[in-house]
Full PDB file with SEQRES, HELIX, SHEET, SSBOND, CRYST1, ORIGX, SCALE, CONECT and MASTER records, all heavy atoms in Angstrom:
SEQRES   1 A   36  THR THR ARG ASN GLU THR ILE MET ASN SER ILE ALA PHE          
SEQRES   2 A   36  ILE GLU SER GLU GLY ASN LEU ASN GLU ASP THR ILE ILE          
SEQRES   3 A   36  VAL THR HIS ASP SER VAL ARG PRO PHE VAL                      
HELIX    1 AA1 ARG A    3  SER A   16  1                                  14    
CRYST1    1.000    1.000    1.000  90.00  90.00  90.00 P 1           1          
ORIGX1      1.000000  0.000000  0.000000        0.00000                         
ORIGX2      0.000000  1.000000  0.000000        0.00000                         
ORIGX3      0.000000  0.000000  1.000000        0.00000                         
SCALE1      1.000000  0.000000  0.000000        0.00000                         
SCALE2      0.000000  1.000000  0.000000        0.00000                         
SCALE3      0.000000  0.000000  1.000000        0.00000                         
ATOM      1  N   THR A   1       6.627  -3.638 -26.139  1.00  0.00           N  
ATOM      2  CA  THR A   1       7.190  -2.635 -27.046  1.00  0.00           C  
ATOM      3  C   THR A   1       7.060  -1.221 -26.481  1.00  0.00           C  
ATOM      4  O   THR A   1       7.738  -0.300 -26.937  1.00  0.00           O  
ATOM      5  CB  THR A   1       6.507  -2.693 -28.425  1.00  0.00           C  
ATOM      6  OG1 THR A   1       5.091  -2.518 -28.252  1.00  0.00           O  
ATOM      7  CG2 THR A   1       6.765  -4.032 -29.095  1.00  0.00           C  
ATOM      8  N   THR A   2       6.176  -1.029 -25.496  1.00  0.00           N  
ATOM      9  CA  THR A   2       6.031   0.256 -24.826  1.00  0.00           C  
ATOM     10  C   THR A   2       6.111   0.041 -23.318  1.00  0.00           C  
ATOM     11  O   THR A   2       6.003  -1.094 -22.840  1.00  0.00           O  
ATOM     12  CB  THR A   2       4.688   0.936 -25.155  1.00  0.00           C  
ATOM     13  OG1 THR A   2       3.623   0.164 -24.577  1.00  0.00           O  
ATOM     14  CG2 THR A   2       4.483   1.059 -26.658  1.00  0.00           C  
ATOM     15  N   ARG A   3       6.257   1.130 -22.588  1.00  0.00           N  
ATOM     16  CA  ARG A   3       6.319   1.043 -21.130  1.00  0.00           C  
ATOM     17  C   ARG A   3       5.068   0.385 -20.550  1.00  0.00           C  
ATOM     18  O   ARG A   3       5.156  -0.506 -19.711  1.00  0.00           O  
ATOM     19  CB  ARG A   3       6.496   2.448 -20.550  1.00  0.00           C  
ATOM     20  CG  ARG A   3       6.656   2.485 -19.037  1.00  0.00           C  
ATOM     21  CD  ARG A   3       6.706   3.914 -18.522  1.00  0.00           C  
ATOM     22  NE  ARG A   3       7.050   3.964 -17.112  1.00  0.00           N  
ATOM     23  CZ  ARG A   3       8.273   3.989 -16.628  1.00  0.00           C  
ATOM     24  NH1 ARG A   3       9.304   3.971 -17.446  1.00  0.00           N  
ATOM     25  NH2 ARG A   3       8.500   4.033 -15.323  1.00  0.00           N  
ATOM     26  N   ASN A   4       3.910   0.820 -21.035  1.00  0.00           N  
ATOM     27  CA  ASN A   4       2.682   0.276 -20.476  1.00  0.00           C  
ATOM     28  C   ASN A   4       2.438  -1.175 -20.887  1.00  0.00           C  
ATOM     29  O   ASN A   4       1.905  -1.963 -20.102  1.00  0.00           O  
ATOM     30  CB  ASN A   4       1.493   1.162 -20.853  1.00  0.00           C  
ATOM     31  CG  ASN A   4       1.509   2.475 -20.094  1.00  0.00           C  
ATOM     32  OD1 ASN A   4       1.513   2.498 -18.870  1.00  0.00           O  
ATOM     33  ND2 ASN A   4       1.540   3.587 -20.817  1.00  0.00           N  
ATOM     34  N   GLU A   5       2.848  -1.538 -22.085  1.00  0.00           N  
ATOM     35  CA  GLU A   5       2.745  -2.950 -22.481  1.00  0.00           C  
ATOM     36  C   GLU A   5       3.666  -3.806 -21.618  1.00  0.00           C  
ATOM     37  O   GLU A   5       3.328  -4.947 -21.276  1.00  0.00           O  
ATOM     38  CB  GLU A   5       3.103  -3.114 -23.957  1.00  0.00           C  
ATOM     39  CG  GLU A   5       2.011  -2.638 -24.906  1.00  0.00           C  
ATOM     40  CD  GLU A   5       2.393  -2.815 -26.364  1.00  0.00           C  
ATOM     41  OE1 GLU A   5       3.431  -3.471 -26.638  1.00  0.00           O  
ATOM     42  OE2 GLU A   5       1.671  -2.301 -27.234  1.00  0.00           O  
ATOM     43  N   THR A   6       4.811  -3.253 -21.251  1.00  0.00           N  
ATOM     44  CA  THR A   6       5.728  -3.980 -20.365  1.00  0.00           C  
ATOM     45  C   THR A   6       5.082  -4.218 -19.005  1.00  0.00           C  
ATOM     46  O   THR A   6       5.157  -5.320 -18.444  1.00  0.00           O  
ATOM     47  CB  THR A   6       7.046  -3.195 -20.213  1.00  0.00           C  
ATOM     48  OG1 THR A   6       7.696  -3.119 -21.481  1.00  0.00           O  
ATOM     49  CG2 THR A   6       7.979  -3.878 -19.208  1.00  0.00           C  
ATOM     50  N   ILE A   7       4.429  -3.189 -18.473  1.00  0.00           N  
ATOM     51  CA  ILE A   7       3.731  -3.356 -17.200  1.00  0.00           C  
ATOM     52  C   ILE A   7       2.613  -4.386 -17.324  1.00  0.00           C  
ATOM     53  O   ILE A   7       2.407  -5.219 -16.428  1.00  0.00           O  
ATOM     54  CB  ILE A   7       3.179  -1.997 -16.712  1.00  0.00           C  
ATOM     55  CG1 ILE A   7       4.343  -1.053 -16.380  1.00  0.00           C  
ATOM     56  CG2 ILE A   7       2.278  -2.185 -15.487  1.00  0.00           C  
ATOM     57  CD1 ILE A   7       3.920   0.360 -16.034  1.00  0.00           C  
ATOM     58  N   MET A   8       1.912  -4.357 -18.449  1.00  0.00           N  
ATOM     59  CA  MET A   8       0.854  -5.353 -18.656  1.00  0.00           C  
ATOM     60  C   MET A   8       1.436  -6.772 -18.729  1.00  0.00           C  
ATOM     61  O   MET A   8       0.796  -7.728 -18.286  1.00  0.00           O  
ATOM     62  CB  MET A   8       0.074  -5.044 -19.939  1.00  0.00           C  
ATOM     63  CG  MET A   8      -0.779  -3.793 -19.863  1.00  0.00           C  
ATOM     64  SD  MET A   8      -1.946  -3.805 -18.477  1.00  0.00           S  
ATOM     65  CE  MET A   8      -1.410  -2.319 -17.616  1.00  0.00           C  
ATOM     66  N   ASN A   9       2.640  -6.904 -19.271  1.00  0.00           N  
ATOM     67  CA  ASN A   9       3.297  -8.221 -19.285  1.00  0.00           C  
ATOM     68  C   ASN A   9       3.556  -8.709 -17.859  1.00  0.00           C  
ATOM     69  O   ASN A   9       3.434  -9.902 -17.572  1.00  0.00           O  
ATOM     70  CB  ASN A   9       4.625  -8.143 -20.043  1.00  0.00           C  
ATOM     71  CG  ASN A   9       4.451  -8.182 -21.542  1.00  0.00           C  
ATOM     72  OD1 ASN A   9       3.341  -8.100 -22.054  1.00  0.00           O  
ATOM     73  ND2 ASN A   9       5.552  -8.284 -22.276  1.00  0.00           N  
ATOM     74  N   SER A  10       3.898  -7.782 -16.975  1.00  0.00           N  
ATOM     75  CA  SER A  10       4.132  -8.185 -15.586  1.00  0.00           C  
ATOM     76  C   SER A  10       2.836  -8.658 -14.936  1.00  0.00           C  
ATOM     77  O   SER A  10       2.833  -9.636 -14.177  1.00  0.00           O  
ATOM     78  CB  SER A  10       4.740  -7.021 -14.786  1.00  0.00           C  
ATOM     79  OG  SER A  10       3.785  -6.033 -14.472  1.00  0.00           O  
ATOM     80  N   ILE A  11       1.737  -7.982 -15.249  1.00  0.00           N  
ATOM     81  CA  ILE A  11       0.441  -8.387 -14.682  1.00  0.00           C  
ATOM     82  C   ILE A  11       0.018  -9.737 -15.243  1.00  0.00           C  
ATOM     83  O   ILE A  11      -0.522 -10.587 -14.513  1.00  0.00           O  
ATOM     84  CB  ILE A  11      -0.624  -7.304 -14.949  1.00  0.00           C  
ATOM     85  CG1 ILE A  11      -0.253  -6.019 -14.191  1.00  0.00           C  
ATOM     86  CG2 ILE A  11      -2.017  -7.784 -14.529  1.00  0.00           C  
ATOM     87  CD1 ILE A  11      -1.171  -4.838 -14.461  1.00  0.00           C  
ATOM     88  N   ALA A  12       0.275  -9.963 -16.542  1.00  0.00           N  
ATOM     89  CA  ALA A  12      -0.038 -11.269 -17.140  1.00  0.00           C  
ATOM     90  C   ALA A  12       0.760 -12.376 -16.467  1.00  0.00           C  
ATOM     91  O   ALA A  12       0.251 -13.485 -16.238  1.00  0.00           O  
ATOM     92  CB  ALA A  12       0.251 -11.235 -18.643  1.00  0.00           C  
ATOM     93  N   PHE A  13       2.015 -12.080 -16.126  1.00  0.00           N  
ATOM     94  CA  PHE A  13       2.843 -13.066 -15.428  1.00  0.00           C  
ATOM     95  C   PHE A  13       2.267 -13.366 -14.049  1.00  0.00           C  
ATOM     96  O   PHE A  13       2.194 -14.532 -13.632  1.00  0.00           O  
ATOM     97  CB  PHE A  13       4.276 -12.543 -15.298  1.00  0.00           C  
ATOM     98  CG  PHE A  13       5.183 -13.436 -14.493  1.00  0.00           C  
ATOM     99  CD1 PHE A  13       5.786 -14.535 -15.075  1.00  0.00           C  
ATOM    100  CD2 PHE A  13       5.416 -13.176 -13.148  1.00  0.00           C  
ATOM    101  CE1 PHE A  13       6.609 -15.373 -14.328  1.00  0.00           C  
ATOM    102  CE2 PHE A  13       6.238 -14.003 -12.399  1.00  0.00           C  
ATOM    103  CZ  PHE A  13       6.838 -15.104 -12.981  1.00  0.00           C  
ATOM    104  N   ILE A  14       1.874 -12.322 -13.339  1.00  0.00           N  
ATOM    105  CA  ILE A  14       1.273 -12.505 -12.015  1.00  0.00           C  
ATOM    106  C   ILE A  14       0.008 -13.360 -12.127  1.00  0.00           C  
ATOM    107  O   ILE A  14      -0.223 -14.264 -11.316  1.00  0.00           O  
ATOM    108  CB  ILE A  14       0.945 -11.140 -11.387  1.00  0.00           C  
ATOM    109  CG1 ILE A  14       2.241 -10.373 -11.088  1.00  0.00           C  
ATOM    110  CG2 ILE A  14       0.115 -11.296 -10.115  1.00  0.00           C  
ATOM    111  CD1 ILE A  14       2.035  -8.911 -10.724  1.00  0.00           C  
ATOM    112  N   GLU A  15      -0.786 -13.088 -13.146  1.00  0.00           N  
ATOM    113  CA  GLU A  15      -2.021 -13.857 -13.355  1.00  0.00           C  
ATOM    114  C   GLU A  15      -1.709 -15.315 -13.670  1.00  0.00           C  
ATOM    115  O   GLU A  15      -2.400 -16.233 -13.196  1.00  0.00           O  
ATOM    116  CB  GLU A  15      -2.837 -13.230 -14.486  1.00  0.00           C  
ATOM    117  CG  GLU A  15      -4.238 -13.800 -14.622  1.00  0.00           C  
ATOM    118  CD  GLU A  15      -5.123 -12.966 -15.530  1.00  0.00           C  
ATOM    119  OE1 GLU A  15      -4.589 -12.168 -16.333  1.00  0.00           O  
ATOM    120  OE2 GLU A  15      -6.360 -13.109 -15.436  1.00  0.00           O  
ATOM    121  N   SER A  16      -0.637 -15.547 -14.434  1.00  0.00           N  
ATOM    122  CA  SER A  16      -0.258 -16.920 -14.777  1.00  0.00           C  
ATOM    123  C   SER A  16       0.171 -17.714 -13.553  1.00  0.00           C  
ATOM    124  O   SER A  16       0.079 -18.942 -13.529  1.00  0.00           O  
ATOM    125  CB  SER A  16       0.867 -16.926 -15.819  1.00  0.00           C  
ATOM    126  OG  SER A  16       2.112 -16.543 -15.239  1.00  0.00           O  
ATOM    127  N   GLU A  17       0.635 -16.999 -12.526  1.00  0.00           N  
ATOM    128  CA  GLU A  17       1.015 -17.651 -11.272  1.00  0.00           C  
ATOM    129  C   GLU A  17      -0.170 -17.842 -10.330  1.00  0.00           C  
ATOM    130  O   GLU A  17      -0.018 -18.403  -9.236  1.00  0.00           O  
ATOM    131  CB  GLU A  17       2.098 -16.830 -10.560  1.00  0.00           C  
ATOM    132  CG  GLU A  17       3.451 -16.840 -11.255  1.00  0.00           C  
ATOM    133  CD  GLU A  17       4.572 -16.417 -10.324  1.00  0.00           C  
ATOM    134  OE1 GLU A  17       4.356 -15.504  -9.486  1.00  0.00           O  
ATOM    135  OE2 GLU A  17       5.658 -17.023 -10.401  1.00  0.00           O  
ATOM    136  N   GLY A  18      -1.338 -17.341 -10.746  1.00  0.00           N  
ATOM    137  CA  GLY A  18      -2.536 -17.476  -9.926  1.00  0.00           C  
ATOM    138  C   GLY A  18      -2.610 -16.489  -8.778  1.00  0.00           C  
ATOM    139  O   GLY A  18      -3.353 -16.701  -7.815  1.00  0.00           O  
ATOM    140  N   ASN A  19      -1.872 -15.366  -8.897  1.00  0.00           N  
ATOM    141  CA  ASN A  19      -1.815 -14.411  -7.794  1.00  0.00           C  
ATOM    142  C   ASN A  19      -2.435 -13.052  -8.105  1.00  0.00           C  
ATOM    143  O   ASN A  19      -2.239 -12.096  -7.353  1.00  0.00           O  
ATOM    144  CB  ASN A  19      -0.360 -14.205  -7.362  1.00  0.00           C  
ATOM    145  CG  ASN A  19       0.224 -15.442  -6.714  1.00  0.00           C  
ATOM    146  OD1 ASN A  19      -0.443 -16.127  -5.958  1.00  0.00           O  
ATOM    147  ND2 ASN A  19       1.480 -15.739  -7.029  1.00  0.00           N  
ATOM    148  N   LEU A  20      -3.189 -12.976  -9.199  1.00  0.00           N  
ATOM    149  CA  LEU A  20      -3.845 -11.719  -9.524  1.00  0.00           C  
ATOM    150  C   LEU A  20      -5.237 -11.698  -8.907  1.00  0.00           C  
ATOM    151  O   LEU A  20      -6.103 -12.496  -9.272  1.00  0.00           O  
ATOM    152  CB  LEU A  20      -3.939 -11.520 -11.037  1.00  0.00           C  
ATOM    153  CG  LEU A  20      -4.552 -10.192 -11.482  1.00  0.00           C  
ATOM    154  CD1 LEU A  20      -3.699  -9.015 -11.013  1.00  0.00           C  
ATOM    155  CD2 LEU A  20      -4.724 -10.156 -13.005  1.00  0.00           C  
ATOM    156  N   ASN A  21      -5.428 -10.801  -7.945  1.00  0.00           N  
ATOM    157  CA  ASN A  21      -6.737 -10.646  -7.323  1.00  0.00           C  
ATOM    158  C   ASN A  21      -6.924  -9.183  -6.929  1.00  0.00           C  
ATOM    159  O   ASN A  21      -6.083  -8.339  -7.241  1.00  0.00           O  
ATOM    160  CB  ASN A  21      -6.883 -11.574  -6.113  1.00  0.00           C  
ATOM    161  CG  ASN A  21      -5.779 -11.373  -5.089  1.00  0.00           C  
ATOM    162  OD1 ASN A  21      -5.557 -10.266  -4.604  1.00  0.00           O  
ATOM    163  ND2 ASN A  21      -5.053 -12.447  -4.766  1.00  0.00           N  
ATOM    164  N   GLU A  22      -8.000  -8.886  -6.256  1.00  0.00           N  
ATOM    165  CA  GLU A  22      -8.327  -7.494  -5.937  1.00  0.00           C  
ATOM    166  C   GLU A  22      -7.345  -6.846  -4.967  1.00  0.00           C  
ATOM    167  O   GLU A  22      -7.355  -5.620  -4.799  1.00  0.00           O  
ATOM    168  CB  GLU A  22      -9.752  -7.405  -5.373  1.00  0.00           C  
ATOM    169  CG  GLU A  22     -10.823  -7.772  -6.403  1.00  0.00           C  
ATOM    170  CD  GLU A  22     -12.230  -7.654  -5.838  1.00  0.00           C  
ATOM    171  OE1 GLU A  22     -12.351  -7.370  -4.625  1.00  0.00           O  
ATOM    172  OE2 GLU A  22     -13.185  -7.827  -6.604  1.00  0.00           O  
ATOM    173  N   ASP A  23      -6.511  -7.642  -4.335  1.00  0.00           N  
ATOM    174  CA  ASP A  23      -5.552  -7.094  -3.374  1.00  0.00           C  
ATOM    175  C   ASP A  23      -4.126  -7.026  -3.906  1.00  0.00           C  
ATOM    176  O   ASP A  23      -3.226  -6.535  -3.208  1.00  0.00           O  
ATOM    177  CB  ASP A  23      -5.557  -7.938  -2.087  1.00  0.00           C  
ATOM    178  CG  ASP A  23      -6.904  -7.897  -1.384  1.00  0.00           C  
ATOM    179  OD1 ASP A  23      -7.526  -6.810  -1.355  1.00  0.00           O  
ATOM    180  OD2 ASP A  23      -7.341  -8.946  -0.878  1.00  0.00           O  
ATOM    181  N   THR A  24      -3.889  -7.488  -5.123  1.00  0.00           N  
ATOM    182  CA  THR A  24      -2.528  -7.522  -5.672  1.00  0.00           C  
ATOM    183  C   THR A  24      -2.016  -6.106  -5.959  1.00  0.00           C  
ATOM    184  O   THR A  24      -2.692  -5.316  -6.626  1.00  0.00           O  
ATOM    185  CB  THR A  24      -2.484  -8.348  -6.967  1.00  0.00           C  
ATOM    186  OG1 THR A  24      -3.019  -9.642  -6.727  1.00  0.00           O  
ATOM    187  CG2 THR A  24      -1.047  -8.485  -7.469  1.00  0.00           C  
ATOM    188  N   ILE A  25      -0.839  -5.813  -5.469  1.00  0.00           N  
ATOM    189  CA  ILE A  25      -0.214  -4.505  -5.664  1.00  0.00           C  
ATOM    190  C   ILE A  25       1.080  -4.676  -6.458  1.00  0.00           C  
ATOM    191  O   ILE A  25       1.843  -5.619  -6.221  1.00  0.00           O  
ATOM    192  CB  ILE A  25       0.121  -3.843  -4.306  1.00  0.00           C  
ATOM    193  CG1 ILE A  25      -1.152  -3.565  -3.511  1.00  0.00           C  
ATOM    194  CG2 ILE A  25       0.934  -2.547  -4.503  1.00  0.00           C  
ATOM    195  CD1 ILE A  25      -2.107  -2.578  -4.138  1.00  0.00           C  
ATOM    196  N   ILE A  26       1.316  -3.765  -7.412  1.00  0.00           N  
ATOM    197  CA  ILE A  26       2.593  -3.744  -8.122  1.00  0.00           C  
ATOM    198  C   ILE A  26       3.281  -2.397  -7.882  1.00  0.00           C  
ATOM    199  O   ILE A  26       2.656  -1.348  -7.934  1.00  0.00           O  
ATOM    200  CB  ILE A  26       2.449  -4.014  -9.636  1.00  0.00           C  
ATOM    201  CG1 ILE A  26       1.498  -3.011 -10.305  1.00  0.00           C  
ATOM    202  CG2 ILE A  26       1.990  -5.444  -9.886  1.00  0.00           C  
ATOM    203  CD1 ILE A  26       1.467  -3.122 -11.834  1.00  0.00           C  
ATOM    204  N   VAL A  27       4.570  -2.471  -7.602  1.00  0.00           N  
ATOM    205  CA  VAL A  27       5.399  -1.278  -7.408  1.00  0.00           C  
ATOM    206  C   VAL A  27       6.333  -1.205  -8.611  1.00  0.00           C  
ATOM    207  O   VAL A  27       7.305  -1.958  -8.699  1.00  0.00           O  
ATOM    208  CB  VAL A  27       6.196  -1.371  -6.096  1.00  0.00           C  
ATOM    209  CG1 VAL A  27       7.060  -0.118  -5.905  1.00  0.00           C  
ATOM    210  CG2 VAL A  27       5.256  -1.554  -4.905  1.00  0.00           C  
ATOM    211  N   THR A  28       6.016  -0.344  -9.567  1.00  0.00           N  
ATOM    212  CA  THR A  28       6.784  -0.283 -10.811  1.00  0.00           C  
ATOM    213  C   THR A  28       7.885   0.769 -10.694  1.00  0.00           C  
ATOM    214  O   THR A  28       7.665   1.869 -10.186  1.00  0.00           O  
ATOM    215  CB  THR A  28       5.879   0.041 -12.015  1.00  0.00           C  
ATOM    216  OG1 THR A  28       5.449   1.406 -11.965  1.00  0.00           O  
ATOM    217  CG2 THR A  28       4.652  -0.870 -12.020  1.00  0.00           C  
ATOM    218  N   HIS A  29       9.070   0.418 -11.210  1.00  0.00           N  
ATOM    219  CA  HIS A  29      10.225   1.302 -11.000  1.00  0.00           C  
ATOM    220  C   HIS A  29      11.195   1.199 -12.165  1.00  0.00           C  
ATOM    221  O   HIS A  29      11.411   0.125 -12.735  1.00  0.00           O  
ATOM    222  CB  HIS A  29      10.933   0.907  -9.707  1.00  0.00           C  
ATOM    223  CG  HIS A  29      12.023   1.839  -9.294  1.00  0.00           C  
ATOM    224  ND1 HIS A  29      11.804   3.159  -8.969  1.00  0.00           N  
ATOM    225  CD2 HIS A  29      13.367   1.650  -9.154  1.00  0.00           C  
ATOM    226  CE1 HIS A  29      12.949   3.740  -8.639  1.00  0.00           C  
ATOM    227  NE2 HIS A  29      13.917   2.846  -8.755  1.00  0.00           N  
ATOM    228  N   ASP A  30      11.812   2.336 -12.509  1.00  0.00           N  
ATOM    229  CA  ASP A  30      12.829   2.364 -13.559  1.00  0.00           C  
ATOM    230  C   ASP A  30      14.084   1.640 -13.094  1.00  0.00           C  
ATOM    231  O   ASP A  30      14.593   1.903 -12.002  1.00  0.00           O  
ATOM    232  CB  ASP A  30      13.211   3.810 -13.901  1.00  0.00           C  
ATOM    233  CG  ASP A  30      12.048   4.621 -14.439  1.00  0.00           C  
ATOM    234  OD1 ASP A  30      11.219   4.046 -15.165  1.00  0.00           O  
ATOM    235  OD2 ASP A  30      11.987   5.837 -14.139  1.00  0.00           O  
ATOM    236  N   SER A  31      14.623   0.787 -13.929  1.00  0.00           N  
ATOM    237  CA  SER A  31      15.837   0.048 -13.565  1.00  0.00           C  
ATOM    238  C   SER A  31      17.028   0.971 -13.416  1.00  0.00           C  
ATOM    239  O   SER A  31      18.024   0.611 -12.778  1.00  0.00           O  
ATOM    240  CB  SER A  31      16.146  -1.014 -14.624  1.00  0.00           C  
ATOM    241  OG  SER A  31      16.413  -0.405 -15.883  1.00  0.00           O  
ATOM    242  N   VAL A  32      16.948   2.172 -13.997  1.00  0.00           N  
ATOM    243  CA  VAL A  32      18.079   3.111 -13.935  1.00  0.00           C  
ATOM    244  C   VAL A  32      17.856   4.195 -12.877  1.00  0.00           C  
ATOM    245  O   VAL A  32      18.395   5.302 -12.981  1.00  0.00           O  
ATOM    246  CB  VAL A  32      18.339   3.743 -15.321  1.00  0.00           C  
ATOM    247  CG1 VAL A  32      18.980   2.718 -16.243  1.00  0.00           C  
ATOM    248  CG2 VAL A  32      17.062   4.298 -15.940  1.00  0.00           C  
ATOM    249  N   ARG A  33      17.091   3.868 -11.846  1.00  0.00           N  
ATOM    250  CA  ARG A  33      16.979   4.728 -10.657  1.00  0.00           C  
ATOM    251  C   ARG A  33      17.475   3.911  -9.452  1.00  0.00           C  
ATOM    252  O   ARG A  33      16.679   3.424  -8.648  1.00  0.00           O  
ATOM    253  CB  ARG A  33      15.544   5.190 -10.433  1.00  0.00           C  
ATOM    254  CG  ARG A  33      15.031   6.221 -11.418  1.00  0.00           C  
ATOM    255  CD  ARG A  33      13.677   6.763 -10.988  1.00  0.00           C  
ATOM    256  NE  ARG A  33      13.060   7.568 -12.017  1.00  0.00           N  
ATOM    257  CZ  ARG A  33      13.201   8.898 -12.140  1.00  0.00           C  
ATOM    258  NH1 ARG A  33      13.958   9.553 -11.262  1.00  0.00           N  
ATOM    259  NH2 ARG A  33      12.599   9.556 -13.096  1.00  0.00           N  
ATOM    260  N   PRO A  34      18.785   3.749  -9.311  1.00  0.00           N  
ATOM    261  CA  PRO A  34      19.329   2.875  -8.268  1.00  0.00           C  
ATOM    262  C   PRO A  34      19.369   3.483  -6.873  1.00  0.00           C  
ATOM    263  O   PRO A  34      19.758   2.804  -5.925  1.00  0.00           O  
ATOM    264  CB  PRO A  34      20.756   2.595  -8.768  1.00  0.00           C  
ATOM    265  CG  PRO A  34      21.129   3.837  -9.511  1.00  0.00           C  
ATOM    266  CD  PRO A  34      19.857   4.284 -10.189  1.00  0.00           C  
ATOM    267  N   PHE A  35      18.962   4.757  -6.741  1.00  0.00           N  
ATOM    268  CA  PHE A  35      19.056   5.414  -5.438  1.00  0.00           C  
ATOM    269  C   PHE A  35      17.712   5.508  -4.716  1.00  0.00           C  
ATOM    270  O   PHE A  35      17.569   6.259  -3.754  1.00  0.00           O  
ATOM    271  CB  PHE A  35      19.695   6.803  -5.592  1.00  0.00           C  
ATOM    272  CG  PHE A  35      21.059   6.759  -6.201  1.00  0.00           C  
ATOM    273  CD1 PHE A  35      21.277   7.169  -7.503  1.00  0.00           C  
ATOM    274  CD2 PHE A  35      22.138   6.264  -5.474  1.00  0.00           C  
ATOM    275  CE1 PHE A  35      22.530   7.107  -8.075  1.00  0.00           C  
ATOM    276  CE2 PHE A  35      23.404   6.203  -6.041  1.00  0.00           C  
ATOM    277  CZ  PHE A  35      23.608   6.618  -7.339  1.00  0.00           C  
ATOM    278  N   VAL A  36      16.726   4.754  -5.179  1.00  0.00           N  
ATOM    279  CA  VAL A  36      15.438   4.715  -4.491  1.00  0.00           C  
ATOM    280  C   VAL A  36      15.645   4.210  -3.062  1.00  0.00           C  
ATOM    281  O   VAL A  36      16.525   3.379  -2.810  1.00  0.00           O  
ATOM    282  CB  VAL A  36      14.437   3.819  -5.253  1.00  0.00           C  
ATOM    283  CG1 VAL A  36      14.891   2.368  -5.282  1.00  0.00           C  
ATOM    284  CG2 VAL A  36      13.030   3.948  -4.686  1.00  0.00           C  
TER     285      VAL A  36                                                      
MASTER        0    0    0    1    0    0    0    6  284    1    0    3          
END                                                                             
């Protein structure tokens, strides 16, 4: 429901895949910034 809750959902997904550890990096980006 919020931006940060959305990011937390992504981390929960990563954890569900068994890939959340001390080295896991996430690069978060707005979907409406297509010129990155």
